[in-house]
PDB file of N, CA and C in Angstrom:
ATOM      1  N   UNK A   1     -35.051   0.462  14.827  1.00  0.00           N
ATOM      2  CA  UNK A   1     -34.106  -0.250  15.757  1.00  0.00           C
ATOM      3  C   UNK A   1     -33.053  -0.266  15.451  1.00  0.00           C
ATOM      4  N   UNK A   2     -32.251  -0.508  16.615  1.00  0.00           N
ATOM      5  CA  UNK A   2     -30.789  -0.314  16.666  1.00  0.00           C
ATOM      6  C   UNK A   2     -30.621  -1.748  16.210  1.00  0.00           C
ATOM      7  N   UNK A   3     -29.095  -1.798  15.523  1.00  0.00           N
ATOM      8  CA  UNK A   3     -28.328  -3.219  14.882  1.00  0.00           C
ATOM      9  C   UNK A   3     -27.756  -3.689  16.418  1.00  0.00           C
ATOM     10  N   UNK A   4     -28.039  -4.927  16.523  1.00  0.00           N
ATOM     11  CA  UNK A   4     -26.957  -5.694  17.449  1.00  0.00           C
ATOM     12  C   UNK A   4     -26.181  -6.389  16.734  1.00  0.00           C
ATOM     13  N   UNK A   5     -24.726  -5.652  17.292  1.00  0.00           N
ATOM     14  CA  UNK A   5     -23.714  -6.272  16.724  1.00  0.00           C
ATOM     15  C   UNK A   5     -23.049  -7.382  17.558  1.00  0.00           C
ATOM     16  N   UNK A   6     -22.822  -8.468  16.605  1.00  0.00           N
ATOM     17  CA  UNK A   6     -21.843  -9.673  17.207  1.00  0.00           C
ATOM     18  C   UNK A   6     -20.719  -9.294  17.012  1.00  0.00           C
ATOM     19  N   UNK A   7     -20.209  -9.762  18.156  1.00  0.00           N
ATOM     20  CA  UNK A   7     -18.308  -9.747  18.014  1.00  0.00           C
ATOM     21  C   UNK A   7     -18.081 -10.776  17.182  1.00  0.00           C
ATOM     22  N   UNK A   8     -16.834 -10.310  16.113  1.00  0.00           N
ATOM     23  CA  UNK A   8     -16.450 -12.035  15.788  1.00  0.00           C
ATOM     24  C   UNK A   8     -15.874 -12.646  16.874  1.00  0.00           C
ATOM     25  N   UNK A   9     -15.668 -13.998  16.381  1.00  0.00           N
ATOM     26  CA  UNK A   9     -14.828 -15.028  17.316  1.00  0.00           C
ATOM     27  C   UNK A   9     -13.443 -14.742  17.407  1.00  0.00           C
ATOM     28  N   UNK A  10     -12.844 -15.137  18.699  1.00  0.00           N
ATOM     29  CA  UNK A  10     -11.381 -15.157  18.535  1.00  0.00           C
ATOM     30  C   UNK A  10     -10.609 -15.762  17.596  1.00  0.00           C
ATOM     31  N   UNK A  11      -9.620 -15.174  16.620  1.00  0.00           N
ATOM     32  CA  UNK A  11      -9.010 -16.138  15.961  1.00  0.00           C
ATOM     33  C   UNK A  11      -7.903 -17.126  16.843  1.00  0.00           C
ATOM     34  N   UNK A  12      -7.884 -18.363  16.584  1.00  0.00           N
ATOM     35  CA  UNK A  12      -7.270 -19.201  17.707  1.00  0.00           C
ATOM     36  C   UNK A  12      -6.631 -20.535  16.501  1.00  0.00           C
ATOM     37  N   UNK A  13      -5.776 -20.402  16.152  1.00  0.00           N
ATOM     38  CA  UNK A  13      -5.182 -21.400  15.201  1.00  0.00           C
ATOM     39  C   UNK A  13      -3.778 -21.381  15.360  1.00  0.00           C
ATOM     40  N   UNK A  14      -3.127 -22.197  14.825  1.00  0.00           N
ATOM     41  CA  UNK A  14      -1.264 -22.347  14.995  1.00  0.00           C
ATOM     42  C   UNK A  14      -1.195 -22.417  13.600  1.00  0.00           C
ATOM     43  N   UNK A  15      -0.292 -21.629  13.079  1.00  0.00           N
ATOM     44  CA  UNK A  15       0.146 -21.406  11.617  1.00  0.00           C
ATOM     45  C   UNK A  15       0.755 -22.805  11.171  1.00  0.00           C
ATOM     46  N   UNK A  16       1.161 -23.943  12.128  1.00  0.00           N
ATOM     47  CA  UNK A  16       1.580 -25.048  11.361  1.00  0.00           C
ATOM     48  C   UNK A  16       0.585 -25.910  11.107  1.00  0.00           C
ATOM     49  N   UNK A  17      -0.870 -25.774  11.771  1.00  0.00           N
ATOM     50  CA  UNK A  17      -2.051 -26.398  10.929  1.00  0.00           C
ATOM     51  C   UNK A  17      -2.402 -26.427   9.923  1.00  0.00           C
ATOM     52  N   UNK A  18      -2.716 -27.698   9.028  1.00  0.00           N
ATOM     53  CA  UNK A  18      -3.171 -27.702   7.828  1.00  0.00           C
ATOM     54  C   UNK A  18      -4.202 -27.035   7.143  1.00  0.00           C
ATOM     55  N   UNK A  19      -5.291 -26.593   8.139  1.00  0.00           N
ATOM     56  CA  UNK A  19      -6.100 -25.488   7.571  1.00  0.00           C
ATOM     57  C   UNK A  19      -6.080 -24.264   8.168  1.00  0.00           C
ATOM     58  N   UNK A  20      -5.049 -23.785   8.650  1.00  0.00           N
ATOM     59  CA  UNK A  20      -4.804 -22.409   9.368  1.00  0.00           C
ATOM     60  C   UNK A  20      -5.222 -21.256   8.189  1.00  0.00           C
ATOM     61  N   UNK A  21      -4.899 -21.662   7.247  1.00  0.00           N
ATOM     62  CA  UNK A  21      -5.061 -20.552   6.388  1.00  0.00           C
ATOM     63  C   UNK A  21      -6.481 -20.440   5.878  1.00  0.00           C
ATOM     64  N   UNK A  22      -7.550 -21.335   5.951  1.00  0.00           N
ATOM     65  CA  UNK A  22      -8.756 -21.361   5.546  1.00  0.00           C
ATOM     66  C   UNK A  22      -9.613 -20.608   6.751  1.00  0.00           C
ATOM     67  N   UNK A  23      -8.892 -21.229   7.796  1.00  0.00           N
ATOM     68  CA  UNK A  23      -9.285 -20.690   9.591  1.00  0.00           C
ATOM     69  C   UNK A  23      -9.179 -19.268   9.519  1.00  0.00           C
ATOM     70  N   UNK A  24      -7.930 -18.690   9.070  1.00  0.00           N
ATOM     71  CA  UNK A  24      -7.875 -17.318   9.021  1.00  0.00           C
ATOM     72  C   UNK A  24      -8.367 -16.237   7.938  1.00  0.00           C
ATOM     73  N   UNK A  25      -8.925 -17.149   6.585  1.00  0.00           N
ATOM     74  CA  UNK A  25      -9.518 -16.159   5.844  1.00  0.00           C
ATOM     75  C   UNK A  25     -10.898 -16.547   6.391  1.00  0.00           C
ATOM     76  N   UNK A  26     -11.571 -17.168   6.797  1.00  0.00           N
ATOM     77  CA  UNK A  26     -12.735 -17.021   7.479  1.00  0.00           C
ATOM     78  C   UNK A  26     -12.867 -16.069   8.246  1.00  0.00           C
ATOM     79  N   UNK A  27     -11.918 -16.015   9.302  1.00  0.00           N
ATOM     80  CA  UNK A  27     -11.592 -15.019  10.372  1.00  0.00           C
ATOM     81  C   UNK A  27     -11.848 -13.591   9.855  1.00  0.00           C
ATOM     82  N   UNK A  28     -10.882 -13.409   8.807  1.00  0.00           N
ATOM     83  CA  UNK A  28     -10.705 -12.055   8.445  1.00  0.00           C
ATOM     84  C   UNK A  28     -12.027 -11.653   7.807  1.00  0.00           C
ATOM     85  N   UNK A  29     -12.513 -12.547   6.975  1.00  0.00           N
ATOM     86  CA  UNK A  29     -13.880 -12.040   6.559  1.00  0.00           C
ATOM     87  C   UNK A  29     -14.729 -11.760   7.600  1.00  0.00           C
ATOM     88  N   UNK A  30     -14.806 -12.491   8.581  1.00  0.00           N
ATOM     89  CA  UNK A  30     -16.018 -11.897   9.775  1.00  0.00           C
ATOM     90  C   UNK A  30     -15.521 -10.992  10.357  1.00  0.00           C
ATOM     91  N   UNK A  31     -14.239 -10.561  10.435  1.00  0.00           N
ATOM     92  CA  UNK A  31     -13.588  -9.168  11.401  1.00  0.00           C
ATOM     93  C   UNK A  31     -13.798  -8.472  10.343  1.00  0.00           C
ATOM     94  N   UNK A  32     -13.491  -8.352   8.779  1.00  0.00           N
ATOM     95  CA  UNK A  32     -14.002  -7.258   7.821  1.00  0.00           C
ATOM     96  C   UNK A  32     -15.348  -6.928   7.798  1.00  0.00           C
ATOM     97  N   UNK A  33     -16.140  -7.838   7.840  1.00  0.00           N
ATOM     98  CA  UNK A  33     -17.729  -7.408   7.733  1.00  0.00           C
ATOM     99  C   UNK A  33     -18.063  -6.796   9.361  1.00  0.00           C
ATOM    100  N   UNK A  34     -17.597  -7.048  10.396  1.00  0.00           N
ATOM    101  CA  UNK A  34     -17.680  -6.375  11.363  1.00  0.00           C
ATOM    102  C   UNK A  34     -17.469  -5.002  11.500  1.00  0.00           C
ATOM    103  N   UNK A  35     -16.489  -4.670  11.175  1.00  0.00           N
ATOM    104  CA  UNK A  35     -15.666  -3.452  10.962  1.00  0.00           C
ATOM    105  C   UNK A  35     -16.295  -2.406   9.879  1.00  0.00           C
ATOM    106  N   UNK A  36     -16.752  -3.249   8.691  1.00  0.00           N
ATOM    107  CA  UNK A  36     -17.420  -2.316   7.789  1.00  0.00           C
ATOM    108  C   UNK A  36     -18.888  -1.983   8.615  1.00  0.00           C
ATOM    109  N   UNK A  37     -19.650  -2.877   9.364  1.00  0.00           N
ATOM    110  CA  UNK A  37     -20.898  -2.707  10.044  1.00  0.00           C
ATOM    111  C   UNK A  37     -20.638  -1.242  11.040  1.00  0.00           C
ATOM    112  N   UNK A  38     -19.551  -1.528  11.855  1.00  0.00           N
ATOM    113  CA  UNK A  38     -19.329  -0.118  12.629  1.00  0.00           C
ATOM    114  C   UNK A  38     -19.263   0.604  11.828  1.00  0.00           C
ATOM    115  N   UNK A  39     -18.610   1.063  10.885  1.00  0.00           N
ATOM    116  CA  UNK A  39     -18.011   1.850  10.050  1.00  0.00           C
ATOM    117  C   UNK A  39     -19.759   2.579   9.358  1.00  0.00           C
ATOM    118  N   UNK A  40     -20.549   1.853   9.011  1.00  0.00           N
ATOM    119  CA  UNK A  40     -21.849   2.153   8.402  1.00  0.00           C
ATOM    120  C   UNK A  40     -22.561   2.533   9.290  1.00  0.00           C
ATOM    121  N   UNK A  41     -22.500   2.172  10.788  1.00  0.00           N
ATOM    122  CA  UNK A  41     -23.558   2.934  12.176  1.00  0.00           C
ATOM    123  C   UNK A  41     -22.859   4.025  12.615  1.00  0.00           C
ATOM    124  N   UNK A  42     -21.674   4.475  11.969  1.00  0.00           N
ATOM    125  CA  UNK A  42     -20.765   5.851  12.547  1.00  0.00           C
ATOM    126  C   UNK A  42     -21.740   7.077  12.159  1.00  0.00           C
ATOM    127  N   UNK A  43     -21.886   7.912  13.245  1.00  0.00           N
ATOM    128  CA  UNK A  43     -22.275   9.226  12.919  1.00  0.00           C
ATOM    129  C   UNK A  43     -21.031   9.996  12.490  1.00  0.00           C
ATOM    130  N   UNK A  44     -21.330  11.346  11.745  1.00  0.00           N
ATOM    131  CA  UNK A  44     -20.293  12.157  11.274  1.00  0.00           C
ATOM    132  C   UNK A  44     -19.645  12.704  12.181  1.00  0.00           C
ATOM    133  N   UNK A  45     -19.971  12.850  13.015  1.00  0.00           N
ATOM    134  CA  UNK A  45     -18.979  13.272  14.562  1.00  0.00           C
ATOM    135  C   UNK A  45     -18.289  12.408  15.137  1.00  0.00           C
ATOM    136  N   UNK A  46     -18.680  11.265  14.854  1.00  0.00           N
ATOM    137  CA  UNK A  46     -18.133   9.951  15.779  1.00  0.00           C
ATOM    138  C   UNK A  46     -16.494  10.144  15.059  1.00  0.00           C
ATOM    139  N   UNK A  47     -15.376   9.386  16.015  1.00  0.00           N
ATOM    140  CA  UNK A  47     -13.903   9.225  15.598  1.00  0.00           C
ATOM    141  C   UNK A  47     -14.130   8.108  14.519  1.00  0.00           C
ATOM    142  N   UNK A  48     -13.050   7.913  13.773  1.00  0.00           N
ATOM    143  CA  UNK A  48     -12.940   6.966  12.979  1.00  0.00           C
ATOM    144  C   UNK A  48     -12.685   5.499  13.624  1.00  0.00           C
ATOM    145  N   UNK A  49     -13.131   4.567  12.874  1.00  0.00           N
ATOM    146  CA  UNK A  49     -12.969   3.392  13.597  1.00  0.00           C
ATOM    147  C   UNK A  49     -11.467   2.805  13.706  1.00  0.00           C
ATOM    148  N   UNK A  50     -10.972   2.417  14.761  1.00  0.00           N
ATOM    149  CA  UNK A  50      -9.700   1.914  14.750  1.00  0.00           C
ATOM    150  C   UNK A  50      -9.618   0.344  14.729  1.00  0.00           C
ATOM    151  N   UNK A  51      -9.394   0.357  13.369  1.00  0.00           N
ATOM    152  CA  UNK A  51      -9.331  -1.226  12.749  1.00  0.00           C
ATOM    153  C   UNK A  51      -8.409  -2.287  13.430  1.00  0.00           C
ATOM    154  N   UNK A  52      -7.326  -1.588  13.806  1.00  0.00           N
ATOM    155  CA  UNK A  52      -6.014  -2.194  14.624  1.00  0.00           C
ATOM    156  C   UNK A  52      -6.659  -2.828  15.840  1.00  0.00           C
ATOM    157  N   UNK A  53      -7.150  -1.868  16.609  1.00  0.00           N
ATOM    158  CA  UNK A  53      -7.551  -1.989  17.965  1.00  0.00           C
ATOM    159  C   UNK A  53      -8.522  -3.352  18.058  1.00  0.00           C
ATOM    160  N   UNK A  54      -9.709  -3.283  16.977  1.00  0.00           N
ATOM    161  CA  UNK A  54     -10.985  -4.127  16.973  1.00  0.00           C
ATOM    162  C   UNK A  54      -9.956  -5.491  16.435  1.00  0.00           C
ATOM    163  N   UNK A  55      -9.185  -5.630  15.801  1.00  0.00           N
ATOM    164  CA  UNK A  55      -8.258  -6.832  14.961  1.00  0.00           C
ATOM    165  C   UNK A  55      -7.582  -7.570  16.238  1.00  0.00           C
ATOM    166  N   UNK A  56      -6.686  -6.615  17.068  1.00  0.00           N
ATOM    167  CA  UNK A  56      -6.308  -6.984  18.192  1.00  0.00           C
ATOM    168  C   UNK A  56      -6.920  -7.727  19.358  1.00  0.00           C
ATOM    169  N   UNK A  57      -8.182  -7.166  19.581  1.00  0.00           N
ATOM    170  CA  UNK A  57      -9.209  -7.548  20.590  1.00  0.00           C
ATOM    171  C   UNK A  57     -10.008  -9.033  20.090  1.00  0.00           C
ATOM    172  N   UNK A  58      -9.362  -9.219  18.729  1.00  0.00           N
ATOM    173  CA  UNK A  58     -10.109 -10.554  18.187  1.00  0.00           C
ATOM    174  C   UNK A  58      -9.122 -11.811  18.152  1.00  0.00           C
ATOM    175  N   UNK A  59      -8.168 -11.636  18.647  1.00  0.00           N
ATOM    176  CA  UNK A  59      -7.155 -12.468  18.398  1.00  0.00           C
ATOM    177  C   UNK A  59      -6.765 -13.446  20.027  1.00  0.00           C
ATOM    178  N   UNK A  60      -6.429 -14.687  19.591  1.00  0.00           N
ATOM    179  CA  UNK A  60      -6.011 -14.994  21.043  1.00  0.00           C
ATOM    180  C   UNK A  60      -4.818 -14.959  21.417  1.00  0.00           C
ATOM    181  N   UNK A  61      -4.548 -14.976  22.801  1.00  0.00           N
ATOM    182  CA  UNK A  61      -2.991 -14.696  23.364  1.00  0.00           C
ATOM    183  C   UNK A  61      -2.279 -15.717  22.549  1.00  0.00           C
ATOM    184  N   UNK A  62      -2.495 -16.794  21.955  1.00  0.00           N
ATOM    185  CA  UNK A  62      -1.602 -17.718  21.101  1.00  0.00           C
ATOM    186  C   UNK A  62      -1.070 -17.173  20.092  1.00  0.00           C
ATOM    187  N   UNK A  63      -2.337 -16.540  19.331  1.00  0.00           N
ATOM    188  CA  UNK A  63      -1.963 -16.004  17.863  1.00  0.00           C
ATOM    189  C   UNK A  63      -1.136 -14.590  18.087  1.00  0.00           C
ATOM    190  N   UNK A  64      -1.560 -13.538  18.819  1.00  0.00           N
ATOM    191  CA  UNK A  64      -1.086 -12.096  18.837  1.00  0.00           C
ATOM    192  C   UNK A  64       0.329 -12.285  18.727  1.00  0.00           C
ATOM    193  N   UNK A  65       1.280 -13.138  19.008  1.00  0.00           N
ATOM    194  CA  UNK A  65       2.868 -12.916  19.370  1.00  0.00           C
ATOM    195  C   UNK A  65       3.151 -13.136  17.715  1.00  0.00           C
ATOM    196  N   UNK A  66       2.540 -13.908  16.933  1.00  0.00           N
ATOM    197  CA  UNK A  66       2.607 -14.326  15.544  1.00  0.00           C
ATOM    198  C   UNK A  66       2.355 -12.782  14.653  1.00  0.00           C
ATOM    199  N   UNK A  67       1.313 -11.930  14.938  1.00  0.00           N
ATOM    200  CA  UNK A  67       0.869 -10.751  14.521  1.00  0.00           C
ATOM    201  C   UNK A  67       2.033  -9.724  14.893  1.00  0.00           C
ATOM    202  N   UNK A  68       2.218  -9.732  16.169  1.00  0.00           N
ATOM    203  CA  UNK A  68       3.168  -8.688  16.745  1.00  0.00           C
ATOM    204  C   UNK A  68       4.493  -8.569  16.138  1.00  0.00           C
ATOM    205  N   UNK A  69       5.148  -9.996  15.717  1.00  0.00           N
ATOM    206  CA  UNK A  69       6.041 -10.590  14.955  1.00  0.00           C
ATOM    207  C   UNK A  69       6.107 -10.173  13.723  1.00  0.00           C
ATOM    208  N   UNK A  70       5.177 -10.092  12.741  1.00  0.00           N
ATOM    209  CA  UNK A  70       4.965  -9.527  11.501  1.00  0.00           C
ATOM    210  C   UNK A  70       4.765  -7.967  11.494  1.00  0.00           C
ATOM    211  N   UNK A  71       4.351  -7.617  12.458  1.00  0.00           N
ATOM    212  CA  UNK A  71       4.105  -6.028  12.423  1.00  0.00           C
ATOM    213  C   UNK A  71       5.500  -5.345  12.718  1.00  0.00           C
ATOM    214  N   UNK A  72       6.213  -5.981  13.462  1.00  0.00           N
ATOM    215  CA  UNK A  72       7.334  -5.407  13.907  1.00  0.00           C
ATOM    216  C   UNK A  72       8.643  -5.533  12.541  1.00  0.00           C
ATOM    217  N   UNK A  73       8.409  -6.842  12.089  1.00  0.00           N
ATOM    218  CA  UNK A  73       9.314  -6.795  10.825  1.00  0.00           C
ATOM    219  C   UNK A  73       8.675  -5.886   9.593  1.00  0.00           C
ATOM    220  N   UNK A  74       7.458  -5.536   9.630  1.00  0.00           N
ATOM    221  CA  UNK A  74       6.948  -4.659   8.415  1.00  0.00           C
ATOM    222  C   UNK A  74       7.349  -3.439   8.815  1.00  0.00           C
ATOM    223  N   UNK A  75       7.470  -2.734   9.957  1.00  0.00           N
ATOM    224  CA  UNK A  75       7.846  -1.671  10.425  1.00  0.00           C
ATOM    225  C   UNK A  75       9.161  -1.548  10.254  1.00  0.00           C
ATOM    226  N   UNK A  76       9.953  -2.353  10.019  1.00  0.00           N
ATOM    227  CA  UNK A  76      11.612  -2.623   9.668  1.00  0.00           C
ATOM    228  C   UNK A  76      11.601  -2.929   8.513  1.00  0.00           C
ATOM    229  N   UNK A  77      11.000  -2.741   7.584  1.00  0.00           N
ATOM    230  CA  UNK A  77      11.184  -2.866   6.204  1.00  0.00           C
ATOM    231  C   UNK A  77      11.586  -4.118   5.763  1.00  0.00           C
ATOM    232  N   UNK A  78      11.227  -5.371   6.915  1.00  0.00           N
ATOM    233  CA  UNK A  78      11.122  -6.535   6.280  1.00  0.00           C
ATOM    234  C   UNK A  78       9.781  -7.488   6.422  1.00  0.00           C
ATOM    235  N   UNK A  79       9.751  -8.678   6.356  1.00  0.00           N
ATOM    236  CA  UNK A  79       8.525  -9.187   6.330  1.00  0.00           C
ATOM    237  C   UNK A  79       8.036  -9.933   5.338  1.00  0.00           C
ATOM    238  N   UNK A  80       7.449 -11.088   5.381  1.00  0.00           N
ATOM    239  CA  UNK A  80       7.499 -12.349   4.494  1.00  0.00           C
ATOM    240  C   UNK A  80       5.975 -12.335   3.695  1.00  0.00           C
ATOM    241  N   UNK A  81       5.388 -11.289   4.119  1.00  0.00           N
ATOM    242  CA  UNK A  81       4.122 -11.252   3.240  1.00  0.00           C
ATOM    243  C   UNK A  81       3.195 -10.092   3.647  1.00  0.00           C
ATOM    244  N   UNK A  82       2.622  -9.325   2.608  1.00  0.00           N
ATOM    245  CA  UNK A  82       1.791  -7.952   2.916  1.00  0.00           C
ATOM    246  C   UNK A  82       0.681  -8.246   3.680  1.00  0.00           C
ATOM    247  N   UNK A  83       0.522  -7.257   4.615  1.00  0.00           N
ATOM    248  CA  UNK A  83      -0.742  -7.177   5.746  1.00  0.00           C
ATOM    249  C   UNK A  83      -1.761  -7.093   4.695  1.00  0.00           C
ATOM    250  N   UNK A  84      -2.959  -8.005   5.230  1.00  0.00           N
ATOM    251  CA  UNK A  84      -4.374  -8.386   4.822  1.00  0.00           C
ATOM    252  C   UNK A  84      -4.856  -7.146   4.677  1.00  0.00           C
ATOM    253  N   UNK A  85      -5.752  -6.405   3.674  1.00  0.00           N
ATOM    254  CA  UNK A  85      -6.670  -5.466   3.344  1.00  0.00           C
ATOM    255  C   UNK A  85      -7.784  -5.757   4.227  1.00  0.00           C
ATOM    256  N   UNK A  86      -8.381  -5.065   4.939  1.00  0.00           N
ATOM    257  CA  UNK A  86      -9.562  -4.749   5.367  1.00  0.00           C
ATOM    258  C   UNK A  86     -10.315  -3.482   4.937  1.00  0.00           C
ATOM    259  N   UNK A  87     -11.599  -3.580   4.261  1.00  0.00           N
ATOM    260  CA  UNK A  87     -11.839  -2.753   3.601  1.00  0.00           C
ATOM    261  C   UNK A  87     -13.167  -2.040   4.630  1.00  0.00           C
TER     262      UNK A  87
END
């Protein structure tokens, strides 16, 4: 039987909110589990799972600018935090 995959919910929180870190950590865990499941279902000749594309598709329009800004800072050698690891 084929597995039915449920797409993770969209991350929608403001960084200034008191619970934003816990909301982000939960969201990151669900996205990581989703990506792991996709990788497990991959066949040998399938292309690699594009983690970045999946993550961006799970962000709300209000959150994306914060990620884009952090990504730009990291590419320029700056940044305030290391990117989270999704295995």
